[in-house]
C-alpha atoms as a PDB file:
ATOM      1  CA  MET A   1     -81.593-109.470-123.712  1.00  0.00           C
ATOM      2  CA  SER A   2     -84.593-110.078-125.980  1.00  0.00           C
ATOM      3  CA  ASP A   3     -87.652-108.208-127.223  1.00  0.00           C
ATOM      4  CA  THR A   4     -89.607-111.450-126.825  1.00  0.00           C
ATOM      5  CA  PRO A   5     -90.819-112.375-123.306  1.00  0.00           C
ATOM      6  CA  LYS A   6     -88.821-115.404-122.023  1.00  0.00           C
ATOM      7  CA  TYR A   7     -89.216-117.400-118.877  1.00  0.00           C
ATOM      8  CA  LYS A   8     -86.913-116.238-116.070  1.00  0.00           C
ATOM      9  CA  GLU A   9     -85.196-113.707-118.414  1.00  0.00           C
ATOM     10  CA  LYS A  10     -83.982-110.658-116.424  1.00  0.00           C
ATOM     11  CA  LYS A  11     -84.967-108.126-119.159  1.00  0.00           C
ATOM     12  CA  PHE A  12     -87.288-108.177-122.152  1.00  0.00           C
ATOM     13  CA  LYS A  13     -90.033-106.045-123.735  1.00  0.00           C
ATOM     14  CA  CYS A  14     -93.031-105.605-121.477  1.00  0.00           C
ATOM     15  CA  PRO A  15     -96.242-106.847-123.205  1.00  0.00           C
ATOM     16  CA  HIS A  16     -98.150-104.085-121.396  1.00  0.00           C
ATOM     17  CA  CYS A  17     -96.152-100.860-122.188  1.00  0.00           C
ATOM     18  CA  HIS A  18     -93.849-102.358-124.783  1.00  0.00           C
ATOM     19  CA  VAL A  19     -90.758-100.959-123.133  1.00  0.00           C
ATOM     20  CA  ILE A  20     -87.666-103.215-122.547  1.00  0.00           C
ATOM     21  CA  ALA A  21     -87.633-103.471-118.845  1.00  0.00           C
ATOM     22  CA  GLN A  22     -86.050-105.280-115.850  1.00  0.00           C
ATOM     23  CA  GLN A  23     -88.229-108.197-114.502  1.00  0.00           C
ATOM     24  CA  SER A  24     -88.700-109.326-110.914  1.00  0.00           C
ATOM     25  CA  TRP A  25     -89.740-112.992-110.721  1.00  0.00           C
ATOM     26  CA  PHE A  26     -91.851-114.690-108.018  1.00  0.00           C
ATOM     27  CA  THR A  27     -92.844-118.337-108.010  1.00  0.00           C
ATOM     28  CA  ASN A  28     -95.244-120.549-106.035  1.00  0.00           C
ATOM     29  CA  HIS A  29     -92.217-122.255-104.400  1.00  0.00           C
ATOM     30  CA  GLN A  30     -91.149-118.870-103.072  1.00  0.00           C
ATOM     31  CA  LEU A  31     -94.626-118.276-101.831  1.00  0.00           C
ATOM     32  CA  SER A  32     -94.563-121.474 -99.747  1.00  0.00           C
ATOM     33  CA  SER A  33     -91.248-120.474 -98.288  1.00  0.00           C
ATOM     34  CA  ILE A  34     -92.533-117.036 -97.347  1.00  0.00           C
ATOM     35  CA  ILE A  35     -95.642-118.517 -95.630  1.00  0.00           C
ATOM     36  CA  SER A  36     -93.449-120.966 -93.685  1.00  0.00           C
ATOM     37  CA  GLY A  37     -91.189-118.097 -92.662  1.00  0.00           C
ATOM     38  CA  ILE A  38     -94.190-116.133 -91.411  1.00  0.00           C
ATOM     39  CA  TYR A  39     -95.409-119.007 -89.226  1.00  0.00           C
ATOM     40  CA  HIS A  40     -91.923-119.440 -87.832  1.00  0.00           C
ATOM     41  CA  HIS A  41     -91.691-115.707 -87.082  1.00  0.00           C
ATOM     42  CA  ILE A  42     -95.135-115.637 -85.392  1.00  0.00           C
ATOM     43  CA  TYR A  43     -94.286-118.482 -83.077  1.00  0.00           C
ATOM     44  CA  LEU A  44     -90.688-117.312 -82.331  1.00  0.00           C
ATOM     45  CA  ASP A  45     -91.632-114.927 -79.465  1.00  0.00           C
ATOM     46  CA  TYR A  46     -94.641-116.952 -78.405  1.00  0.00           C
ATOM     47  CA  ARG A  47     -92.560-120.058 -77.677  1.00  0.00           C
ATOM     48  CA  VAL A  48     -90.413-118.218 -75.081  1.00  0.00           C
ATOM     49  CA  ASN A  49     -93.326-117.912 -72.672  1.00  0.00           C
ATOM     50  CA  ILE A  50     -94.931-121.381 -72.869  1.00  0.00           C
ATOM     51  CA  GLN A  51     -94.202-124.756 -71.357  1.00  0.00           C
ATOM     52  CA  ASP A  52     -91.757-127.125 -72.908  1.00  0.00           C
ATOM     53  CA  TYR A  53     -94.280-129.758 -73.968  1.00  0.00           C
ATOM     54  CA  SER A  54     -96.223-127.048 -75.864  1.00  0.00           C
ATOM     55  CA  GLN A  55     -93.060-125.964 -77.682  1.00  0.00           C
ATOM     56  CA  LYS A  56     -92.511-129.515 -78.895  1.00  0.00           C
ATOM     57  CA  GLN A  57     -96.036-129.550 -80.380  1.00  0.00           C
ATOM     58  CA  ILE A  58     -95.449-126.199 -82.096  1.00  0.00           C
ATOM     59  CA  VAL A  59     -92.148-127.339 -83.569  1.00  0.00           C
ATOM     60  CA  LYS A  60     -93.939-130.437 -84.848  1.00  0.00           C
ATOM     61  CA  PHE A  61     -96.675-128.357 -86.413  1.00  0.00           C
ATOM     62  CA  LEU A  62     -94.072-126.044 -88.072  1.00  0.00           C
ATOM     63  CA  ASN A  63     -92.204-129.059 -89.569  1.00  0.00           C
ATOM     64  CA  VAL A  64     -95.449-130.527 -90.903  1.00  0.00           C
ATOM     65  CA  ALA A  65     -96.557-127.230 -92.287  1.00  0.00           C
ATOM     66  CA  LYS A  66     -93.188-126.643 -94.012  1.00  0.00           C
ATOM     67  CA  SER A  67     -93.574-129.833 -96.029  1.00  0.00           C
ATOM     68  CA  GLN A  68     -97.358-129.440 -96.485  1.00  0.00           C
ATOM     69  CA  PHE A  69     -97.451-125.912 -97.839  1.00  0.00           C
ATOM     70  CA  PRO A  70     -95.999-126.579-101.262  1.00  0.00           C
ATOM     71  CA  ARG A  71     -98.567-129.372-101.829  1.00  0.00           C
ATOM     72  CA  ASP A  72    -101.448-127.233-100.498  1.00  0.00           C
ATOM     73  CA  ILE A  73    -100.503-124.204-102.659  1.00  0.00           C
ATOM     74  CA  ASN A  74    -100.398-126.400-105.804  1.00  0.00           C
ATOM     75  CA  THR A  75    -104.001-127.377-105.258  1.00  0.00           C
ATOM     76  CA  PHE A  76    -104.927-123.788-105.755  1.00  0.00           C
ATOM     77  CA  LEU A  77    -102.181-122.719-108.195  1.00  0.00           C
ATOM     78  CA  PRO A  78    -100.880-124.499-111.294  1.00  0.00           C
ATOM     79  CA  ALA A  79     -97.596-126.357-110.933  1.00  0.00           C
ATOM     80  CA  ASN A  80     -94.584-124.170-112.078  1.00  0.00           C
ATOM     81  CA  PHE A  81     -96.639-121.053-111.593  1.00  0.00           C
ATOM     82  CA  SER A  82     -94.708-117.738-111.715  1.00  0.00           C
ATOM     83  CA  VAL A  83     -95.278-113.971-111.735  1.00  0.00           C
ATOM     84  CA  ALA A  84     -93.028-111.500-113.419  1.00  0.00           C
ATOM     85  CA  THR A  85     -93.385-107.834-112.394  1.00  0.00           C
ATOM     86  CA  TYR A  86     -92.089-105.070-114.785  1.00  0.00           C
ATOM     87  CA  GLN A  87     -90.117-102.213-113.276  1.00  0.00           C
ATOM     88  CA  SER A  88     -91.123 -99.858-116.127  1.00  0.00           C
ATOM     89  CA  CYS A  89     -94.932 -99.854-115.574  1.00  0.00           C
ATOM     90  CA  LYS A  90     -95.324-102.029-112.440  1.00  0.00           C
ATOM     91  CA  GLU A  91     -97.660-104.345-114.335  1.00  0.00           C
ATOM     92  CA  PHE A  92     -97.257-108.110-114.174  1.00  0.00           C
ATOM     93  CA  SER A  93     -97.424-111.213-116.330  1.00  0.00           C
ATOM     94  CA  LEU A  94     -98.461-114.757-115.371  1.00  0.00           C
ATOM     95  CA  TRP A  95     -96.552-117.817-116.410  1.00  0.00           C
ATOM     96  CA  VAL A  96     -97.425-121.566-116.265  1.00  0.00           C
ATOM     97  CA  ASP A  97     -94.939-124.239-117.275  1.00  0.00           C
ATOM     98  CA  SER A  98     -92.497-121.590-118.498  1.00  0.00           C
ATOM     99  CA  LYS A  99     -95.034-120.023-120.910  1.00  0.00           C
ATOM    100  CA  ILE A 100     -96.745-116.671-120.587  1.00  0.00           C
ATOM    101  CA  VAL A 101    -100.537-116.982-120.022  1.00  0.00           C
ATOM    102  CA  TYR A 102    -101.311-113.325-119.181  1.00  0.00           C
ATOM    103  CA  PRO A 103    -101.415-110.910-120.851  1.00  0.00           C
ATOM    104  CA  LEU A 104    -102.450-112.651-124.049  1.00  0.00           C
ATOM    105  CA  ASN A 105    -101.701-109.701-126.292  1.00  0.00           C
ATOM    106  CA  SER A 106     -98.857-110.484-128.661  1.00  0.00           C
ATOM    107  CA  PRO A 107     -95.499-108.668-128.632  1.00  0.00           C
ATOM    108  CA  ILE A 108     -95.595-108.667-132.439  1.00  0.00           C
ATOM    109  CA  SER A 109     -95.870-105.328-134.261  1.00  0.00           C
ATOM    110  CA  PRO A 110     -98.995-104.810-136.401  1.00  0.00           C
ATOM    111  CA  PRO A 111     -98.744-105.549-140.099  1.00  0.00           C
ATOM    112  CA  ASN A 112     -97.716-102.890-142.690  1.00  0.00           C
ATOM    113  CA  GLU A 113    -100.802-100.796-143.500  1.00  0.00           C
ATOM    114  CA  ASP A 114    -100.184-101.125-147.283  1.00  0.00           C
ATOM    115  CA  LEU A 115    -100.542-104.882-147.263  1.00  0.00           C
ATOM    116  CA  SER A 116    -103.779-106.227-148.616  1.00  0.00           C
ATOM    117  CA  ASP A 117    -106.613-107.240-146.175  1.00  0.00           C
ATOM    118  CA  GLU A 118    -106.007-110.841-146.916  1.00  0.00           C
ATOM    119  CA  ILE A 119    -102.344-110.636-146.051  1.00  0.00           C
ATOM    120  CA  LYS A 120    -103.082-108.632-142.869  1.00  0.00           C
ATOM    121  CA  SER A 121    -105.506-111.335-141.804  1.00  0.00           C
ATOM    122  CA  ILE A 122    -102.817-114.040-142.280  1.00  0.00           C
ATOM    123  CA  TYR A 123    -100.210-111.967-140.494  1.00  0.00           C
ATOM    124  CA  ASN A 124    -102.596-111.356-137.559  1.00  0.00           C
ATOM    125  CA  GLU A 125    -103.434-115.025-137.373  1.00  0.00           C
ATOM    126  CA  ALA A 126     -99.690-115.747-137.230  1.00  0.00           C
ATOM    127  CA  SER A 127     -99.195-113.297-134.390  1.00  0.00           C
ATOM    128  CA  ILE A 128    -102.065-114.815-132.365  1.00  0.00           C
ATOM    129  CA  ILE A 129    -100.517-118.335-132.422  1.00  0.00           C
ATOM    130  CA  PHE A 130     -96.949-117.087-132.184  1.00  0.00           C
ATOM    131  CA  GLN A 131     -96.491-117.836-128.450  1.00  0.00           C
ATOM    132  CA  ASP A 132     -97.948-121.384-128.653  1.00  0.00           C
ATOM    133  CA  SER A 133     -96.579-122.293-132.063  1.00  0.00           C
ATOM    134  CA  PRO A 134     -93.588-120.503-133.534  1.00  0.00           C
ATOM    135  CA  LYS A 135     -93.468-123.095-136.264  1.00  0.00           C
ATOM    136  CA  GLY A 136     -97.135-122.569-137.128  1.00  0.00           C
ATOM    137  CA  SER A 137     -96.757-118.742-137.205  1.00  0.00           C
ATOM    138  CA  THR A 138     -93.697-119.139-139.475  1.00  0.00           C
ATOM    139  CA  ALA A 139     -95.567-121.227-141.880  1.00  0.00           C
ATOM    140  CA  LEU A 140     -98.354-118.633-142.063  1.00  0.00           C
ATOM    141  CA  LEU A 141     -95.717-115.878-142.753  1.00  0.00           C
ATOM    142  CA  ARG A 142     -94.469-117.874-145.686  1.00  0.00           C
ATOM    143  CA  LEU A 143     -98.072-117.895-147.091  1.00  0.00           C
ATOM    144  CA  ALA A 144     -98.243-114.119-146.373  1.00  0.00           C
ATOM    145  CA  LEU A 145     -95.065-113.635-148.398  1.00  0.00           C
ATOM    146  CA  GLN A 146     -96.517-115.619-151.271  1.00  0.00           C
ATOM    147  CA  LYS A 147     -99.561-113.323-151.217  1.00  0.00           C
ATOM    148  CA  LEU A 148     -97.314-110.245-150.972  1.00  0.00           C
ATOM    149  CA  LEU A 149     -95.437-111.245-154.081  1.00  0.00           C
ATOM    150  CA  LYS A 150     -98.761-111.602-155.904  1.00  0.00           C
ATOM    151  CA  GLN A 151     -99.789-108.149-154.676  1.00  0.00           C
ATOM    152  CA  ILE A 152     -96.780-106.542-156.292  1.00  0.00           C
ATOM    153  CA  GLY A 153     -97.658-108.212-159.613  1.00  0.00           C
ATOM    154  CA  LYS A 154     -95.722-111.456-159.543  1.00  0.00           C
ATOM    155  CA  ASP A 155     -97.200-114.876-160.228  1.00  0.00           C
ATOM    156  CA  GLY A 156     -97.395-115.831-156.522  1.00  0.00           C
ATOM    157  CA  LYS A 157     -97.327-119.583-157.203  1.00  0.00           C
ATOM    158  CA  ASN A 158     -93.561-120.178-156.808  1.00  0.00           C
ATOM    159  CA  ILE A 159     -91.768-117.889-154.344  1.00  0.00           C
ATOM    160  CA  ASN A 160     -88.337-118.855-155.572  1.00  0.00           C
ATOM    161  CA  ASN A 161     -89.145-118.016-159.175  1.00  0.00           C
ATOM    162  CA  ASP A 162     -90.748-114.688-158.154  1.00  0.00           C
ATOM    163  CA  ILE A 163     -87.539-113.743-156.241  1.00  0.00           C
ATOM    164  CA  LYS A 164     -85.446-114.707-159.177  1.00  0.00           C
ATOM    165  CA  GLU A 165     -87.541-112.442-161.443  1.00  0.00           C
ATOM    166  CA  LEU A 166     -87.278-109.520-158.954  1.00  0.00           C
ATOM    167  CA  VAL A 167     -83.486-109.930-158.920  1.00  0.00           C
ATOM    168  CA  THR A 168     -83.322-109.646-162.675  1.00  0.00           C
ATOM    169  CA  GLU A 169     -85.322-106.408-162.401  1.00  0.00           C
ATOM    170  CA  GLY A 170     -82.715-104.892-160.091  1.00  0.00           C
ATOM    171  CA  LEU A 171     -83.892-105.992-156.613  1.00  0.00           C
ATOM    172  CA  THR A 172     -81.409-104.907-153.894  1.00  0.00           C
ATOM    173  CA  PRO A 173     -79.316-107.677-152.257  1.00  0.00           C
ATOM    174  CA  LYS A 174     -80.748-106.630-148.849  1.00  0.00           C
ATOM    175  CA  ILE A 175     -84.390-107.315-149.900  1.00  0.00           C
ATOM    176  CA  GLN A 176     -83.392-110.451-151.795  1.00  0.00           C
ATOM    177  CA  LYS A 177     -81.861-111.849-148.510  1.00  0.00           C
ATOM    178  CA  ALA A 178     -84.982-110.792-146.605  1.00  0.00           C
ATOM    179  CA  LEU A 179     -87.218-112.565-149.124  1.00  0.00           C
ATOM    180  CA  ASP A 180     -85.164-115.759-149.042  1.00  0.00           C
ATOM    181  CA  LEU A 181     -85.099-115.688-145.165  1.00  0.00           C
ATOM    182  CA  VAL A 182     -88.861-115.832-145.089  1.00  0.00           C
ATOM    183  CA  ARG A 183     -88.957-118.374-147.909  1.00  0.00           C
ATOM    184  CA  VAL A 184     -86.315-120.777-146.531  1.00  0.00           C
ATOM    185  CA  VAL A 185     -87.412-120.600-142.817  1.00  0.00           C
ATOM    186  CA  GLY A 186     -91.022-120.910-143.935  1.00  0.00           C
ATOM    187  CA  ASN A 187     -90.256-123.963-146.068  1.00  0.00           C
ATOM    188  CA  ASN A 188     -88.673-125.549-142.970  1.00  0.00           C
ATOM    189  CA  ALA A 189     -91.860-124.922-140.977  1.00  0.00           C
ATOM    190  CA  VAL A 190     -93.925-126.659-143.696  1.00  0.00           C
ATOM    191  CA  HIS A 191     -91.372-129.299-144.585  1.00  0.00           C
ATOM    192  CA  PRO A 192     -88.983-129.898-141.609  1.00  0.00           C
ATOM    193  CA  GLY A 193     -85.329-129.504-142.583  1.00  0.00           C
ATOM    194  CA  GLN A 194     -82.190-128.167-140.941  1.00  0.00           C
ATOM    195  CA  ILE A 195     -83.728-125.350-139.039  1.00  0.00           C
ATOM    196  CA  ASP A 196     -85.437-126.286-135.692  1.00  0.00           C
ATOM    197  CA  LEU A 197     -88.472-124.077-135.178  1.00  0.00           C
ATOM    198  CA  ASP A 198     -90.250-126.076-132.485  1.00  0.00           C
ATOM    199  CA  ASP A 199     -89.037-123.955-129.591  1.00  0.00           C
ATOM    200  CA  ASN A 200     -87.367-121.024-131.406  1.00  0.00           C
ATOM    201  CA  SER A 201     -89.685-118.049-130.916  1.00  0.00           C
ATOM    202  CA  GLU A 202     -86.739-115.666-131.636  1.00  0.00           C
ATOM    203  CA  ILE A 203     -86.603-116.648-135.280  1.00  0.00           C
ATOM    204  CA  ALA A 204     -90.330-116.431-135.701  1.00  0.00           C
ATOM    205  CA  SER A 205     -90.590-113.005-134.079  1.00  0.00           C
ATOM    206  CA  THR A 206     -87.804-111.754-136.400  1.00  0.00           C
ATOM    207  CA  LEU A 207     -89.653-112.931-139.498  1.00  0.00           C
ATOM    208  CA  PHE A 208     -92.578-110.642-138.609  1.00  0.00           C
ATOM    209  CA  LYS A 209     -90.223-107.651-138.720  1.00  0.00           C
ATOM    210  CA  ILE A 210     -88.640-108.909-141.979  1.00  0.00           C
ATOM    211  CA  LEU A 211     -92.015-109.294-143.667  1.00  0.00           C
ATOM    212  CA  ASN A 212     -92.884-105.667-142.677  1.00  0.00           C
ATOM    213  CA  LEU A 213     -89.478-104.572-144.040  1.00  0.00           C
ATOM    214  CA  ILE A 214     -90.139-106.333-147.361  1.00  0.00           C
ATOM    215  CA  ALA A 215     -93.653-104.646-147.600  1.00  0.00           C
ATOM    216  CA  ASP A 216     -92.085-101.262-146.769  1.00  0.00           C
ATOM    217  CA  GLU A 217     -89.482-101.625-149.507  1.00  0.00           C
ATOM    218  CA  LEU A 218     -91.611-103.177-152.212  1.00  0.00           C
ATOM    219  CA  ILE A 219     -94.988-101.528-151.550  1.00  0.00           C
ATOM    220  CA  THR A 220     -94.902 -98.575-149.251  1.00  0.00           C
ATOM    221  CA  ARG A 221     -91.863 -96.646-150.547  1.00  0.00           C
ATOM    222  CA  PRO A 222     -92.695 -97.068-154.296  1.00  0.00           C
ATOM    223  CA  LYS A 223     -96.248 -95.938-153.412  1.00  0.00           C
ATOM    224  CA  GLU A 224     -94.971 -92.813-151.617  1.00  0.00           C
ATOM    225  CA  ILE A 225     -92.721 -91.953-154.505  1.00  0.00           C
ATOM    226  CA  ASP A 226     -95.507 -92.334-157.050  1.00  0.00           C
ATOM    227  CA  ASN A 227     -97.828 -90.152-154.967  1.00  0.00           C
ATOM    228  CA  LEU A 228     -95.215 -87.408-154.618  1.00  0.00           C
ATOM    229  CA  TYR A 229     -94.428 -87.614-158.351  1.00  0.00           C
ATOM    230  CA  GLU A 230     -98.124 -87.235-159.218  1.00  0.00           C
ATOM    231  CA  ASP A 231     -98.607 -84.430-156.732  1.00  0.00           C
ATOM    232  CA  ILE A 232     -95.511 -82.289-157.372  1.00  0.00           C
ATOM    233  CA  ILE A 233     -94.401 -82.709-161.018  1.00  0.00           C
ATOM    234  CA  PRO A 234     -96.399 -80.587-163.446  1.00  0.00           C
ATOM    235  CA  ASP A 235     -98.213 -82.446-166.292  1.00  0.00           C
ATOM    236  CA  GLU A 236     -96.102 -80.643-168.905  1.00  0.00           C
ATOM    237  CA  THR A 237     -92.894 -81.843-167.255  1.00  0.00           C
ATOM    238  CA  LYS A 238     -94.302 -85.400-166.949  1.00  0.00           C
ATOM    239  CA  ASN A 239     -94.904 -85.404-170.741  1.00  0.00           C
ATOM    240  CA  TYR A 240     -91.342 -84.223-171.388  1.00  0.00           C
ATOM    241  CA  ILE A 241     -89.948 -86.961-169.108  1.00  0.00           C
ATOM    242  CA  LEU A 242     -92.136 -89.491-170.891  1.00  0.00           C
ATOM    243  CA  GLN A 243     -90.853 -88.376-174.347  1.00  0.00           C
ATOM    244  CA  ARG A 244     -87.290 -88.370-173.041  1.00  0.00           C
ATOM    245  CA  ASP A 245     -87.461 -91.882-171.727  1.00  0.00           C
ATOM    246  CA  SER A 246     -89.274 -93.294-174.793  1.00  0.00           C
ATOM    247  CA  SER A 247     -86.677 -91.717-177.117  1.00  0.00           C
ATOM    248  CA  ASN A 248     -83.977 -93.790-175.261  1.00  0.00           C
ATOM    249  CA  ASN A 249     -85.652 -97.042-176.071  1.00  0.00           C
END
């Protein structure tokens, strides 16, 4: 089971209501079979009351129609056309050649609000192309990470060096791994290596979550603590704490 919509998957997150729900699939091949079945059913009772030579003509028509319907339908519908109906909200999605074409809204969560406008723009661009190009969206997320490191005061030119500097400053192993995940996978998107990103939307979708996790840990939480400190601690106590810490140096 996956959050990301996948062709013929039985359960995934609905792009309409964002609830993980059961899917009912319907294809153009099933449609042609249903139409053929309707024709057979219509003529079943009728053939009992007509002459034998007419019955032969009807059987001939039904056999021709059975082979003709799939070709006729594909003149109106794209080849490999499918519809998935969601049991949660009863909405549907349209698929062509195993890719979702409707709705076009992305299943990706919005960017962390504390990211700079430039990073949000890169993140949103990555989410727009996510369905068509997981590799392209991953490369953009690497760029977003580079900008994020600059936002928190690092050089922003060499991601690996910036991570190394953060580790020496006491960065937690969890966030170090998160940073290196975006760095390494992003590098593979820019310079192909051992990680195949061409058809792996699962890796790309996870990196969006990881980038937001990094932003939460390195930007949002420190900001919340600073705001609480400024609002709650009296100025006199702040001065005492400042003197205490300076005396330890």
